[in-house]
PDB file of N, CA and C in Angstrom:
ATOM      1  N   UNK A   1     118.426 276.044 -13.758  1.00  0.00           N
ATOM      2  CA  UNK A   1     118.581 275.347 -12.402  1.00  0.00           C
ATOM      3  C   UNK A   1     118.744 276.138 -10.919  1.00  0.00           C
ATOM      4  N   UNK A   2     118.667 275.660 -10.090  1.00  0.00           N
ATOM      5  CA  UNK A   2     118.155 276.510  -8.604  1.00  0.00           C
ATOM      6  C   UNK A   2     119.982 275.362  -8.404  1.00  0.00           C
ATOM      7  N   UNK A   3     120.850 276.249  -8.357  1.00  0.00           N
ATOM      8  CA  UNK A   3     122.290 275.972  -7.542  1.00  0.00           C
ATOM      9  C   UNK A   3     122.404 276.668  -5.830  1.00  0.00           C
ATOM     10  N   UNK A   4     121.286 276.838  -5.757  1.00  0.00           N
ATOM     11  CA  UNK A   4     121.139 277.646  -4.301  1.00  0.00           C
ATOM     12  C   UNK A   4     121.728 276.165  -3.152  1.00  0.00           C
ATOM     13  N   UNK A   5     121.205 274.915  -3.291  1.00  0.00           N
ATOM     14  CA  UNK A   5     121.766 274.014  -2.156  1.00  0.00           C
ATOM     15  C   UNK A   5     123.294 273.317  -2.559  1.00  0.00           C
ATOM     16  N   UNK A   6     123.232 273.381  -3.954  1.00  0.00           N
ATOM     17  CA  UNK A   6     124.840 272.991  -4.780  1.00  0.00           C
ATOM     18  C   UNK A   6     125.874 274.022  -3.719  1.00  0.00           C
ATOM     19  N   UNK A   7     125.566 275.189  -3.619  1.00  0.00           N
ATOM     20  CA  UNK A   7     126.377 276.153  -3.416  1.00  0.00           C
ATOM     21  C   UNK A   7     126.680 276.021  -1.919  1.00  0.00           C
ATOM     22  N   UNK A   8     125.341 275.952  -1.440  1.00  0.00           N
ATOM     23  CA  UNK A   8     125.269 275.926   0.085  1.00  0.00           C
ATOM     24  C   UNK A   8     126.358 275.007   0.496  1.00  0.00           C
ATOM     25  N   UNK A   9     126.064 273.433  -0.055  1.00  0.00           N
ATOM     26  CA  UNK A   9     126.730 272.091   0.852  1.00  0.00           C
ATOM     27  C   UNK A   9     128.173 272.709   0.680  1.00  0.00           C
ATOM     28  N   UNK A  10     128.434 272.867  -0.767  1.00  0.00           N
ATOM     29  CA  UNK A  10     130.054 273.141  -1.289  1.00  0.00           C
ATOM     30  C   UNK A  10     130.759 274.107  -0.445  1.00  0.00           C
ATOM     31  N   UNK A  11     129.954 275.121   0.073  1.00  0.00           N
ATOM     32  CA  UNK A  11     130.604 276.194   0.935  1.00  0.00           C
ATOM     33  C   UNK A  11     130.826 275.934   2.197  1.00  0.00           C
ATOM     34  N   UNK A  12     129.957 275.325   2.954  1.00  0.00           N
ATOM     35  CA  UNK A  12     129.886 274.541   4.110  1.00  0.00           C
ATOM     36  C   UNK A  12     131.337 273.563   3.868  1.00  0.00           C
ATOM     37  N   UNK A  13     131.186 272.647   3.124  1.00  0.00           N
ATOM     38  CA  UNK A  13     132.120 271.387   3.475  1.00  0.00           C
ATOM     39  C   UNK A  13     133.638 272.331   2.915  1.00  0.00           C
ATOM     40  N   UNK A  14     133.777 273.351   2.075  1.00  0.00           N
ATOM     41  CA  UNK A  14     135.116 273.824   1.717  1.00  0.00           C
ATOM     42  C   UNK A  14     135.725 274.458   2.924  1.00  0.00           C
ATOM     43  N   UNK A  15     134.783 275.122   3.659  1.00  0.00           N
ATOM     44  CA  UNK A  15     134.988 275.739   5.290  1.00  0.00           C
ATOM     45  C   UNK A  15     135.123 274.870   6.165  1.00  0.00           C
ATOM     46  N   UNK A  16     134.920 273.700   6.334  1.00  0.00           N
ATOM     47  CA  UNK A  16     134.991 273.001   6.918  1.00  0.00           C
ATOM     48  C   UNK A  16     136.344 272.278   6.810  1.00  0.00           C
ATOM     49  N   UNK A  17     136.898 271.670   5.816  1.00  0.00           N
ATOM     50  CA  UNK A  17     137.758 271.342   5.100  1.00  0.00           C
ATOM     51  C   UNK A  17     139.285 272.071   5.362  1.00  0.00           C
ATOM     52  N   UNK A  18     138.843 273.527   5.115  1.00  0.00           N
ATOM     53  CA  UNK A  18     139.683 274.636   5.406  1.00  0.00           C
ATOM     54  C   UNK A  18     139.970 274.972   6.959  1.00  0.00           C
ATOM     55  N   UNK A  19     139.198 274.897   7.564  1.00  0.00           N
ATOM     56  CA  UNK A  19     139.376 275.298   9.011  1.00  0.00           C
ATOM     57  C   UNK A  19     139.684 274.043   9.808  1.00  0.00           C
ATOM     58  N   UNK A  20     139.349 273.083   9.576  1.00  0.00           N
ATOM     59  CA  UNK A  20     139.900 271.988  10.178  1.00  0.00           C
ATOM     60  C   UNK A  20     141.418 271.506   9.817  1.00  0.00           C
ATOM     61  N   UNK A  21     141.638 271.549   8.424  1.00  0.00           N
ATOM     62  CA  UNK A  21     143.412 271.318   8.243  1.00  0.00           C
ATOM     63  C   UNK A  21     144.041 272.562   8.845  1.00  0.00           C
ATOM     64  N   UNK A  22     143.668 273.993   8.723  1.00  0.00           N
ATOM     65  CA  UNK A  22     144.673 274.647   9.096  1.00  0.00           C
ATOM     66  C   UNK A  22     144.529 274.593  10.847  1.00  0.00           C
ATOM     67  N   UNK A  23     143.976 274.223  11.437  1.00  0.00           N
ATOM     68  CA  UNK A  23     143.960 274.335  12.992  1.00  0.00           C
ATOM     69  C   UNK A  23     144.551 272.898  13.147  1.00  0.00           C
ATOM     70  N   UNK A  24     144.198 271.962  12.759  1.00  0.00           N
ATOM     71  CA  UNK A  24     144.882 270.810  13.335  1.00  0.00           C
ATOM     72  C   UNK A  24     146.314 270.828  12.742  1.00  0.00           C
ATOM     73  N   UNK A  25     146.917 271.718  11.769  1.00  0.00           N
ATOM     74  CA  UNK A  25     148.369 271.589  11.386  1.00  0.00           C
ATOM     75  C   UNK A  25     148.880 272.570  12.377  1.00  0.00           C
ATOM     76  N   UNK A  26     148.046 273.718  12.830  1.00  0.00           N
ATOM     77  CA  UNK A  26     148.657 274.815  13.460  1.00  0.00           C
ATOM     78  C   UNK A  26     148.903 274.184  15.180  1.00  0.00           C
ATOM     79  N   UNK A  27     148.071 273.378  15.701  1.00  0.00           N
ATOM     80  CA  UNK A  27     148.122 273.038  16.774  1.00  0.00           C
ATOM     81  C   UNK A  27     149.140 271.625  17.077  1.00  0.00           C
ATOM     82  N   UNK A  28     149.292 271.294  15.856  1.00  0.00           N
ATOM     83  CA  UNK A  28     150.255 269.914  16.067  1.00  0.00           C
ATOM     84  C   UNK A  28     150.982 269.620  16.864  1.00  0.00           C
ATOM     85  N   UNK A  29     151.657 271.191  16.613  1.00  0.00           N
ATOM     86  CA  UNK A  29     153.244 270.719  17.616  1.00  0.00           C
ATOM     87  C   UNK A  29     153.088 271.130  19.224  1.00  0.00           C
ATOM     88  N   UNK A  30     151.626 271.773  19.641  1.00  0.00           N
ATOM     89  CA  UNK A  30     151.123 271.881  20.744  1.00  0.00           C
ATOM     90  C   UNK A  30     150.452 271.237  21.611  1.00  0.00           C
ATOM     91  N   UNK A  31     149.688 270.606  20.892  1.00  0.00           N
ATOM     92  CA  UNK A  31     148.399 269.582  21.390  1.00  0.00           C
ATOM     93  C   UNK A  31     148.816 268.480  20.826  1.00  0.00           C
ATOM     94  N   UNK A  32     148.607 267.018  21.487  1.00  0.00           N
ATOM     95  CA  UNK A  32     148.800 265.828  20.816  1.00  0.00           C
ATOM     96  C   UNK A  32     148.077 265.403  19.946  1.00  0.00           C
ATOM     97  N   UNK A  33     146.962 265.414  20.486  1.00  0.00           N
ATOM     98  CA  UNK A  33     145.604 265.076  19.208  1.00  0.00           C
ATOM     99  C   UNK A  33     145.148 266.551  18.677  1.00  0.00           C
ATOM    100  N   UNK A  34     145.822 266.733  17.834  1.00  0.00           N
ATOM    101  CA  UNK A  34     145.196 268.155  17.152  1.00  0.00           C
ATOM    102  C   UNK A  34     143.756 268.288  16.344  1.00  0.00           C
ATOM    103  N   UNK A  35     143.620 267.177  16.167  1.00  0.00           N
ATOM    104  CA  UNK A  35     142.545 266.834  15.253  1.00  0.00           C
ATOM    105  C   UNK A  35     141.308 266.852  16.026  1.00  0.00           C
ATOM    106  N   UNK A  36     141.427 266.360  17.447  1.00  0.00           N
ATOM    107  CA  UNK A  36     140.251 266.367  18.499  1.00  0.00           C
ATOM    108  C   UNK A  36     139.728 267.973  18.445  1.00  0.00           C
ATOM    109  N   UNK A  37     140.643 268.809  18.363  1.00  0.00           N
ATOM    110  CA  UNK A  37     140.138 270.404  18.178  1.00  0.00           C
ATOM    111  C   UNK A  37     139.568 270.618  16.690  1.00  0.00           C
ATOM    112  N   UNK A  38     140.497 270.336  15.868  1.00  0.00           N
ATOM    113  CA  UNK A  38     140.412 271.086  14.966  1.00  0.00           C
ATOM    114  C   UNK A  38     139.209 270.592  14.048  1.00  0.00           C
ATOM    115  N   UNK A  39     138.950 269.172  14.050  1.00  0.00           N
ATOM    116  CA  UNK A  39     137.251 268.800  13.252  1.00  0.00           C
ATOM    117  C   UNK A  39     136.160 269.229  13.919  1.00  0.00           C
ATOM    118  N   UNK A  40     136.141 269.394  15.543  1.00  0.00           N
ATOM    119  CA  UNK A  40     134.991 270.085  15.476  1.00  0.00           C
ATOM    120  C   UNK A  40     134.829 271.610  15.338  1.00  0.00           C
ATOM    121  N   UNK A  41     135.892 272.378  15.376  1.00  0.00           N
ATOM    122  CA  UNK A  41     136.123 273.682  14.993  1.00  0.00           C
ATOM    123  C   UNK A  41     135.491 273.921  13.559  1.00  0.00           C
ATOM    124  N   UNK A  42     136.346 272.994  12.696  1.00  0.00           N
ATOM    125  CA  UNK A  42     135.587 272.825  11.302  1.00  0.00           C
ATOM    126  C   UNK A  42     134.387 272.812  10.916  1.00  0.00           C
ATOM    127  N   UNK A  43     133.650 271.889  11.619  1.00  0.00           N
ATOM    128  CA  UNK A  43     132.258 271.474  11.571  1.00  0.00           C
ATOM    129  C   UNK A  43     131.267 272.556  12.021  1.00  0.00           C
ATOM    130  N   UNK A  44     131.709 273.180  13.064  1.00  0.00           N
ATOM    131  CA  UNK A  44     131.005 274.551  13.273  1.00  0.00           C
ATOM    132  C   UNK A  44     131.266 275.725  12.475  1.00  0.00           C
ATOM    133  N   UNK A  45     132.344 276.014  12.031  1.00  0.00           N
ATOM    134  CA  UNK A  45     132.879 277.054  11.015  1.00  0.00           C
ATOM    135  C   UNK A  45     131.913 276.366   9.669  1.00  0.00           C
ATOM    136  N   UNK A  46     132.014 275.415   9.389  1.00  0.00           N
ATOM    137  CA  UNK A  46     131.164 274.834   8.065  1.00  0.00           C
ATOM    138  C   UNK A  46     129.832 274.963   8.135  1.00  0.00           C
ATOM    139  N   UNK A  47     129.323 274.889   9.263  1.00  0.00           N
ATOM    140  CA  UNK A  47     127.867 275.003   9.584  1.00  0.00           C
ATOM    141  C   UNK A  47     127.284 276.154   9.323  1.00  0.00           C
ATOM    142  N   UNK A  48     128.484 277.191   9.962  1.00  0.00           N
ATOM    143  CA  UNK A  48     128.014 278.541   9.779  1.00  0.00           C
ATOM    144  C   UNK A  48     128.391 279.309   8.364  1.00  0.00           C
ATOM    145  N   UNK A  49     129.320 278.942   7.781  1.00  0.00           N
ATOM    146  CA  UNK A  49     129.226 279.174   6.589  1.00  0.00           C
ATOM    147  C   UNK A  49     128.103 278.778   5.697  1.00  0.00           C
ATOM    148  N   UNK A  50     127.622 277.649   5.726  1.00  0.00           N
ATOM    149  CA  UNK A  50     126.650 276.810   5.061  1.00  0.00           C
ATOM    150  C   UNK A  50     125.328 278.265   5.229  1.00  0.00           C
ATOM    151  N   UNK A  51     125.085 278.244   6.704  1.00  0.00           N
ATOM    152  CA  UNK A  51     123.849 279.035   6.946  1.00  0.00           C
ATOM    153  C   UNK A  51     123.667 280.039   6.427  1.00  0.00           C
ATOM    154  N   UNK A  52     125.122 281.105   5.991  1.00  0.00           N
ATOM    155  CA  UNK A  52     125.391 282.426   5.708  1.00  0.00           C
ATOM    156  C   UNK A  52     125.245 282.241   4.141  1.00  0.00           C
ATOM    157  N   UNK A  53     125.736 281.609   3.572  1.00  0.00           N
ATOM    158  CA  UNK A  53     125.200 281.354   2.190  1.00  0.00           C
ATOM    159  C   UNK A  53     123.821 281.068   1.743  1.00  0.00           C
ATOM    160  N   UNK A  54     123.382 280.029   2.750  1.00  0.00           N
ATOM    161  CA  UNK A  54     121.630 280.165   2.363  1.00  0.00           C
ATOM    162  C   UNK A  54     121.151 280.991   2.776  1.00  0.00           C
ATOM    163  N   UNK A  55     121.268 281.301   3.531  1.00  0.00           N
ATOM    164  CA  UNK A  55     120.408 282.704   4.326  1.00  0.00           C
ATOM    165  C   UNK A  55     120.333 284.025   3.638  1.00  0.00           C
ATOM    166  N   UNK A  56     121.803 284.303   3.574  1.00  0.00           N
ATOM    167  CA  UNK A  56     121.963 285.671   2.913  1.00  0.00           C
ATOM    168  C   UNK A  56     123.022 286.038   1.970  1.00  0.00           C
ATOM    169  N   UNK A  57     123.795 284.946   1.353  1.00  0.00           N
ATOM    170  CA  UNK A  57     125.083 285.457   0.365  1.00  0.00           C
ATOM    171  C   UNK A  57     124.174 285.087  -0.710  1.00  0.00           C
ATOM    172  N   UNK A  58     123.372 284.132  -0.781  1.00  0.00           N
ATOM    173  CA  UNK A  58     122.990 283.913  -2.055  1.00  0.00           C
ATOM    174  C   UNK A  58     121.443 284.737  -2.490  1.00  0.00           C
ATOM    175  N   UNK A  59     121.171 285.557  -1.647  1.00  0.00           N
ATOM    176  CA  UNK A  59     119.989 286.515  -2.153  1.00  0.00           C
ATOM    177  C   UNK A  59     120.659 287.691  -3.102  1.00  0.00           C
ATOM    178  N   UNK A  60     121.976 287.837  -2.569  1.00  0.00           N
ATOM    179  CA  UNK A  60     122.766 289.228  -3.699  1.00  0.00           C
ATOM    180  C   UNK A  60     123.045 288.097  -5.383  1.00  0.00           C
ATOM    181  N   UNK A  61     123.054 288.622  -6.235  1.00  0.00           N
ATOM    182  CA  UNK A  61     123.015 287.749  -7.455  1.00  0.00           C
ATOM    183  C   UNK A  61     124.629 287.873  -7.806  1.00  0.00           C
ATOM    184  N   UNK A  62     125.154 289.217  -7.528  1.00  0.00           N
ATOM    185  CA  UNK A  62     126.579 289.334  -7.753  1.00  0.00           C
ATOM    186  C   UNK A  62     127.725 288.350  -6.822  1.00  0.00           C
ATOM    187  N   UNK A  63     126.886 287.597  -6.176  1.00  0.00           N
ATOM    188  CA  UNK A  63     127.707 286.495  -4.951  1.00  0.00           C
ATOM    189  C   UNK A  63     127.691 285.270  -5.363  1.00  0.00           C
ATOM    190  N   UNK A  64     126.948 284.942  -6.069  1.00  0.00           N
ATOM    191  CA  UNK A  64     126.875 283.755  -6.721  1.00  0.00           C
ATOM    192  C   UNK A  64     127.756 282.789  -7.531  1.00  0.00           C
ATOM    193  N   UNK A  65     128.601 283.839  -8.422  1.00  0.00           N
ATOM    194  CA  UNK A  65     129.679 282.976  -9.051  1.00  0.00           C
ATOM    195  C   UNK A  65     130.726 282.726  -8.129  1.00  0.00           C
ATOM    196  N   UNK A  66     131.287 283.876  -7.226  1.00  0.00           N
ATOM    197  CA  UNK A  66     132.158 283.406  -5.833  1.00  0.00           C
ATOM    198  C   UNK A  66     131.534 282.407  -5.122  1.00  0.00           C
ATOM    199  N   UNK A  67     130.715 282.235  -4.725  1.00  0.00           N
ATOM    200  CA  UNK A  67     130.069 281.056  -3.828  1.00  0.00           C
ATOM    201  C   UNK A  67     130.073 280.050  -4.430  1.00  0.00           C
ATOM    202  N   UNK A  68     129.548 279.874  -5.827  1.00  0.00           N
ATOM    203  CA  UNK A  68     129.646 278.361  -6.695  1.00  0.00           C
ATOM    204  C   UNK A  68     131.481 277.893  -6.983  1.00  0.00           C
ATOM    205  N   UNK A  69     132.658 279.138  -6.979  1.00  0.00           N
ATOM    206  CA  UNK A  69     133.525 278.831  -7.219  1.00  0.00           C
ATOM    207  C   UNK A  69     134.351 278.533  -5.711  1.00  0.00           C
ATOM    208  N   UNK A  70     133.964 278.835  -5.011  1.00  0.00           N
ATOM    209  CA  UNK A  70     134.596 278.154  -3.502  1.00  0.00           C
ATOM    210  C   UNK A  70     133.774 276.982  -3.159  1.00  0.00           C
ATOM    211  N   UNK A  71     132.336 276.680  -3.717  1.00  0.00           N
ATOM    212  CA  UNK A  71     131.548 275.465  -3.469  1.00  0.00           C
ATOM    213  C   UNK A  71     132.663 274.127  -4.393  1.00  0.00           C
ATOM    214  N   UNK A  72     132.931 274.705  -5.824  1.00  0.00           N
ATOM    215  CA  UNK A  72     133.472 273.462  -6.400  1.00  0.00           C
ATOM    216  C   UNK A  72     134.816 273.238  -5.809  1.00  0.00           C
ATOM    217  N   UNK A  73     135.667 274.318  -4.888  1.00  0.00           N
ATOM    218  CA  UNK A  73     136.869 273.691  -4.683  1.00  0.00           C
ATOM    219  C   UNK A  73     136.991 272.817  -3.815  1.00  0.00           C
ATOM    220  N   UNK A  74     135.911 272.673  -2.826  1.00  0.00           N
ATOM    221  CA  UNK A  74     135.599 271.741  -1.863  1.00  0.00           C
ATOM    222  C   UNK A  74     135.237 270.539  -2.737  1.00  0.00           C
ATOM    223  N   UNK A  75     134.298 270.815  -3.453  1.00  0.00           N
ATOM    224  CA  UNK A  75     133.902 269.137  -4.223  1.00  0.00           C
ATOM    225  C   UNK A  75     135.081 268.542  -4.694  1.00  0.00           C
ATOM    226  N   UNK A  76     135.351 269.457  -5.804  1.00  0.00           N
ATOM    227  CA  UNK A  76     136.893 268.997  -6.237  1.00  0.00           C
ATOM    228  C   UNK A  76     137.883 268.239  -5.340  1.00  0.00           C
ATOM    229  N   UNK A  77     138.294 268.990  -4.122  1.00  0.00           N
ATOM    230  CA  UNK A  77     138.809 268.279  -3.105  1.00  0.00           C
ATOM    231  C   UNK A  77     138.607 267.209  -2.618  1.00  0.00           C
ATOM    232  N   UNK A  78     137.101 267.036  -2.116  1.00  0.00           N
ATOM    233  CA  UNK A  78     136.603 265.692  -1.773  1.00  0.00           C
ATOM    234  C   UNK A  78     136.435 264.393  -2.942  1.00  0.00           C
ATOM    235  N   UNK A  79     136.654 264.852  -4.210  1.00  0.00           N
ATOM    236  CA  UNK A  79     136.577 263.856  -4.983  1.00  0.00           C
ATOM    237  C   UNK A  79     137.769 263.483  -5.230  1.00  0.00           C
ATOM    238  N   UNK A  80     139.238 264.009  -5.039  1.00  0.00           N
ATOM    239  CA  UNK A  80     140.470 263.667  -5.408  1.00  0.00           C
ATOM    240  C   UNK A  80     140.803 262.700  -3.951  1.00  0.00           C
ATOM    241  N   UNK A  81     140.138 263.493  -2.933  1.00  0.00           N
ATOM    242  CA  UNK A  81     140.245 262.397  -1.475  1.00  0.00           C
ATOM    243  C   UNK A  81     139.750 260.916  -2.105  1.00  0.00           C
ATOM    244  N   UNK A  82     138.385 260.862  -2.510  1.00  0.00           N
ATOM    245  CA  UNK A  82     138.081 259.749  -2.808  1.00  0.00           C
ATOM    246  C   UNK A  82     138.589 258.781  -3.671  1.00  0.00           C
ATOM    247  N   UNK A  83     138.750 259.842  -4.962  1.00  0.00           N
ATOM    248  CA  UNK A  83     139.524 258.890  -6.036  1.00  0.00           C
ATOM    249  C   UNK A  83     140.980 258.185  -5.612  1.00  0.00           C
ATOM    250  N   UNK A  84     141.794 258.692  -4.789  1.00  0.00           N
ATOM    251  CA  UNK A  84     143.058 258.419  -3.926  1.00  0.00           C
ATOM    252  C   UNK A  84     142.448 257.048  -2.850  1.00  0.00           C
ATOM    253  N   UNK A  85     141.718 257.460  -2.320  1.00  0.00           N
ATOM    254  CA  UNK A  85     140.789 256.057  -1.504  1.00  0.00           C
ATOM    255  C   UNK A  85     140.637 254.685  -2.167  1.00  0.00           C
ATOM    256  N   UNK A  86     139.464 255.446  -3.441  1.00  0.00           N
ATOM    257  CA  UNK A  86     139.095 254.152  -3.939  1.00  0.00           C
ATOM    258  C   UNK A  86     139.761 253.400  -5.030  1.00  0.00           C
ATOM    259  N   UNK A  87     141.015 254.035  -5.778  1.00  0.00           N
ATOM    260  CA  UNK A  87     141.435 253.605  -6.783  1.00  0.00           C
ATOM    261  C   UNK A  87     142.814 253.286  -6.349  1.00  0.00           C
ATOM    262  N   UNK A  88     143.431 252.219  -5.843  1.00  0.00           N
ATOM    263  CA  UNK A  88     144.801 252.221  -5.766  1.00  0.00           C
ATOM    264  C   UNK A  88     146.076 252.466  -6.414  1.00  0.00           C
ATOM    265  N   UNK A  89     145.256 252.276  -7.595  1.00  0.00           N
ATOM    266  CA  UNK A  89     146.734 252.603  -8.539  1.00  0.00           C
ATOM    267  C   UNK A  89     146.590 254.345  -8.802  1.00  0.00           C
ATOM    268  N   UNK A  90     145.701 255.265  -8.041  1.00  0.00           N
ATOM    269  CA  UNK A  90     146.032 256.560  -8.201  1.00  0.00           C
ATOM    270  C   UNK A  90     146.632 257.092  -7.039  1.00  0.00           C
ATOM    271  N   UNK A  91     146.689 256.120  -5.979  1.00  0.00           N
ATOM    272  CA  UNK A  91     147.068 256.661  -4.964  1.00  0.00           C
ATOM    273  C   UNK A  91     148.333 257.174  -4.762  1.00  0.00           C
ATOM    274  N   UNK A  92     149.373 256.748  -6.053  1.00  0.00           N
ATOM    275  CA  UNK A  92     150.615 257.504  -6.146  1.00  0.00           C
ATOM    276  C   UNK A  92     150.663 258.652  -6.817  1.00  0.00           C
ATOM    277  N   UNK A  93     149.761 258.895  -7.253  1.00  0.00           N
ATOM    278  CA  UNK A  93     149.662 260.178  -8.323  1.00  0.00           C
ATOM    279  C   UNK A  93     148.763 261.167  -7.715  1.00  0.00           C
ATOM    280  N   UNK A  94     147.938 261.076  -6.509  1.00  0.00           N
ATOM    281  CA  UNK A  94     146.886 261.791  -5.907  1.00  0.00           C
ATOM    282  C   UNK A  94     147.442 262.351  -4.618  1.00  0.00           C
ATOM    283  N   UNK A  95     147.828 263.502  -4.391  1.00  0.00           N
ATOM    284  CA  UNK A  95     148.277 263.886  -3.227  1.00  0.00           C
ATOM    285  C   UNK A  95     147.921 265.452  -2.806  1.00  0.00           C
ATOM    286  N   UNK A  96     148.659 265.859  -1.419  1.00  0.00           N
ATOM    287  CA  UNK A  96     147.618 267.324  -1.759  1.00  0.00           C
ATOM    288  C   UNK A  96     148.537 268.421  -2.687  1.00  0.00           C
ATOM    289  N   UNK A  97     149.628 267.860  -3.196  1.00  0.00           N
ATOM    290  CA  UNK A  97     150.546 268.686  -4.269  1.00  0.00           C
ATOM    291  C   UNK A  97     150.057 269.109  -5.747  1.00  0.00           C
ATOM    292  N   UNK A  98     148.750 267.639  -5.935  1.00  0.00           N
ATOM    293  CA  UNK A  98     147.704 267.757  -7.036  1.00  0.00           C
ATOM    294  C   UNK A  98     146.563 267.937  -6.867  1.00  0.00           C
ATOM    295  N   UNK A  99     146.196 267.386  -5.721  1.00  0.00           N
ATOM    296  CA  UNK A  99     144.726 267.625  -5.328  1.00  0.00           C
ATOM    297  C   UNK A  99     144.576 269.298  -5.239  1.00  0.00           C
ATOM    298  N   UNK A 100     145.167 270.000  -4.667  1.00  0.00           N
ATOM    299  CA  UNK A 100     144.493 271.619  -4.370  1.00  0.00           C
ATOM    300  C   UNK A 100     145.022 272.308  -5.916  1.00  0.00           C
ATOM    301  N   UNK A 101     145.789 272.278  -7.022  1.00  0.00           N
ATOM    302  CA  UNK A 101     145.792 272.858  -7.893  1.00  0.00           C
ATOM    303  C   UNK A 101     144.827 272.822  -8.789  1.00  0.00           C
ATOM    304  N   UNK A 102     144.547 270.928  -8.894  1.00  0.00           N
ATOM    305  CA  UNK A 102     143.045 270.784  -9.643  1.00  0.00           C
ATOM    306  C   UNK A 102     141.638 271.477  -9.056  1.00  0.00           C
ATOM    307  N   UNK A 103     141.797 271.254  -7.747  1.00  0.00           N
ATOM    308  CA  UNK A 103     140.377 271.846  -7.098  1.00  0.00           C
ATOM    309  C   UNK A 103     140.460 273.560  -7.380  1.00  0.00           C
ATOM    310  N   UNK A 104     141.641 274.109  -7.373  1.00  0.00           N
ATOM    311  CA  UNK A 104     142.060 275.558  -7.710  1.00  0.00           C
ATOM    312  C   UNK A 104     141.468 275.847  -9.377  1.00  0.00           C
ATOM    313  N   UNK A 105     141.582 274.900 -10.070  1.00  0.00           N
ATOM    314  CA  UNK A 105     141.543 275.099 -11.720  1.00  0.00           C
ATOM    315  C   UNK A 105     139.471 275.017 -11.728  1.00  0.00           C
ATOM    316  N   UNK A 106     139.268 274.039 -10.982  1.00  0.00           N
ATOM    317  CA  UNK A 106     137.449 273.893 -10.972  1.00  0.00           C
ATOM    318  C   UNK A 106     136.908 274.763 -10.211  1.00  0.00           C
ATOM    319  N   UNK A 107     137.527 275.199  -9.373  1.00  0.00           N
ATOM    320  CA  UNK A 107     136.683 276.649  -8.777  1.00  0.00           C
ATOM    321  C   UNK A 107     136.787 277.855  -9.487  1.00  0.00           C
ATOM    322  N   UNK A 108     138.084 278.164 -10.534  1.00  0.00           N
ATOM    323  CA  UNK A 108     138.096 279.165 -11.471  1.00  0.00           C
ATOM    324  C   UNK A 108     137.177 278.885 -12.345  1.00  0.00           C
ATOM    325  N   UNK A 109     137.147 277.781 -12.919  1.00  0.00           N
ATOM    326  CA  UNK A 109     136.247 277.081 -13.904  1.00  0.00           C
ATOM    327  C   UNK A 109     134.791 277.464 -13.860  1.00  0.00           C
ATOM    328  N   UNK A 110     134.456 277.003 -12.533  1.00  0.00           N
ATOM    329  CA  UNK A 110     133.015 277.077 -12.245  1.00  0.00           C
ATOM    330  C   UNK A 110     132.502 278.459 -11.816  1.00  0.00           C
ATOM    331  N   UNK A 111     133.663 279.280 -11.305  1.00  0.00           N
ATOM    332  CA  UNK A 111     133.426 281.049 -11.421  1.00  0.00           C
ATOM    333  C   UNK A 111     133.115 281.651 -12.726  1.00  0.00           C
ATOM    334  N   UNK A 112     134.011 281.211 -13.339  1.00  0.00           N
ATOM    335  CA  UNK A 112     133.819 282.204 -14.674  1.00  0.00           C
ATOM    336  C   UNK A 112     132.632 281.797 -15.477  1.00  0.00           C
ATOM    337  N   UNK A 113     132.006 280.130 -15.179  1.00  0.00           N
ATOM    338  CA  UNK A 113     131.000 279.217 -16.183  1.00  0.00           C
ATOM    339  C   UNK A 113     129.662 280.234 -15.208  1.00  0.00           C
ATOM    340  N   UNK A 114     129.921 280.881 -13.835  1.00  0.00           N
ATOM    341  CA  UNK A 114     128.514 280.990 -13.160  1.00  0.00           C
ATOM    342  C   UNK A 114     128.778 282.218 -13.568  1.00  0.00           C
ATOM    343  N   UNK A 115     129.623 283.129 -13.731  1.00  0.00           N
ATOM    344  CA  UNK A 115     129.591 284.642 -13.781  1.00  0.00           C
ATOM    345  C   UNK A 115     128.994 285.232 -15.471  1.00  0.00           C
ATOM    346  N   UNK A 116     129.674 283.782 -16.097  1.00  0.00           N
ATOM    347  CA  UNK A 116     129.249 284.162 -17.522  1.00  0.00           C
ATOM    348  C   UNK A 116     126.971 283.909 -17.825  1.00  0.00           C
ATOM    349  N   UNK A 117     127.319 282.776 -17.160  1.00  0.00           N
ATOM    350  CA  UNK A 117     125.549 281.987 -17.386  1.00  0.00           C
ATOM    351  C   UNK A 117     124.889 282.084 -15.948  1.00  0.00           C
ATOM    352  N   UNK A 118     124.824 283.668 -15.324  1.00  0.00           N
ATOM    353  CA  UNK A 118     124.746 283.772 -14.173  1.00  0.00           C
ATOM    354  C   UNK A 118     122.894 283.973 -14.414  1.00  0.00           C
ATOM    355  N   UNK A 119     122.109 284.016 -15.598  1.00  0.00           N
ATOM    356  CA  UNK A 119     120.839 283.930 -15.954  1.00  0.00           C
ATOM    357  C   UNK A 119     120.489 282.598 -15.672  1.00  0.00           C
ATOM    358  N   UNK A 120     120.831 281.533 -15.753  1.00  0.00           N
ATOM    359  CA  UNK A 120     120.582 280.515 -16.024  1.00  0.00           C
ATOM    360  C   UNK A 120     120.831 279.633 -14.121  1.00  0.00           C
ATOM    361  N   UNK A 121     121.061 280.189 -13.603  1.00  0.00           N
ATOM    362  CA  UNK A 121     121.540 279.762 -12.031  1.00  0.00           C
ATOM    363  C   UNK A 121     121.192 280.633 -11.198  1.00  0.00           C
ATOM    364  N   UNK A 122     119.652 280.698 -11.044  1.00  0.00           N
ATOM    365  CA  UNK A 122     118.739 282.205 -10.299  1.00  0.00           C
ATOM    366  C   UNK A 122     118.466 281.226  -8.814  1.00  0.00           C
TER     367      UNK A 122
END
């Protein structure tokens, strides 16, 4: 299986989410519309991380498990957000306090599986 596109998009997504959320929260006290600054900066950071993962990082086999772990974190957060949006009954159960630990477990699992079966993810 070629996991390169999966890892690339996942790393870009995770970087976008992390940078945009962090910058938006840090600027919230000083800038009225901090998301106007945070989202574009997160988009640029995500694009740069995705390009780096595609062009340079995937070429080194020992970096593949961490890349897939980071990608799984972003995909799991996106899944939790989509679940809380699409399923009204899940809105009370899914929040940052449950989505982040769920994403962390998914990231660790993906990392361990990629490390164990590294020959299958060329």
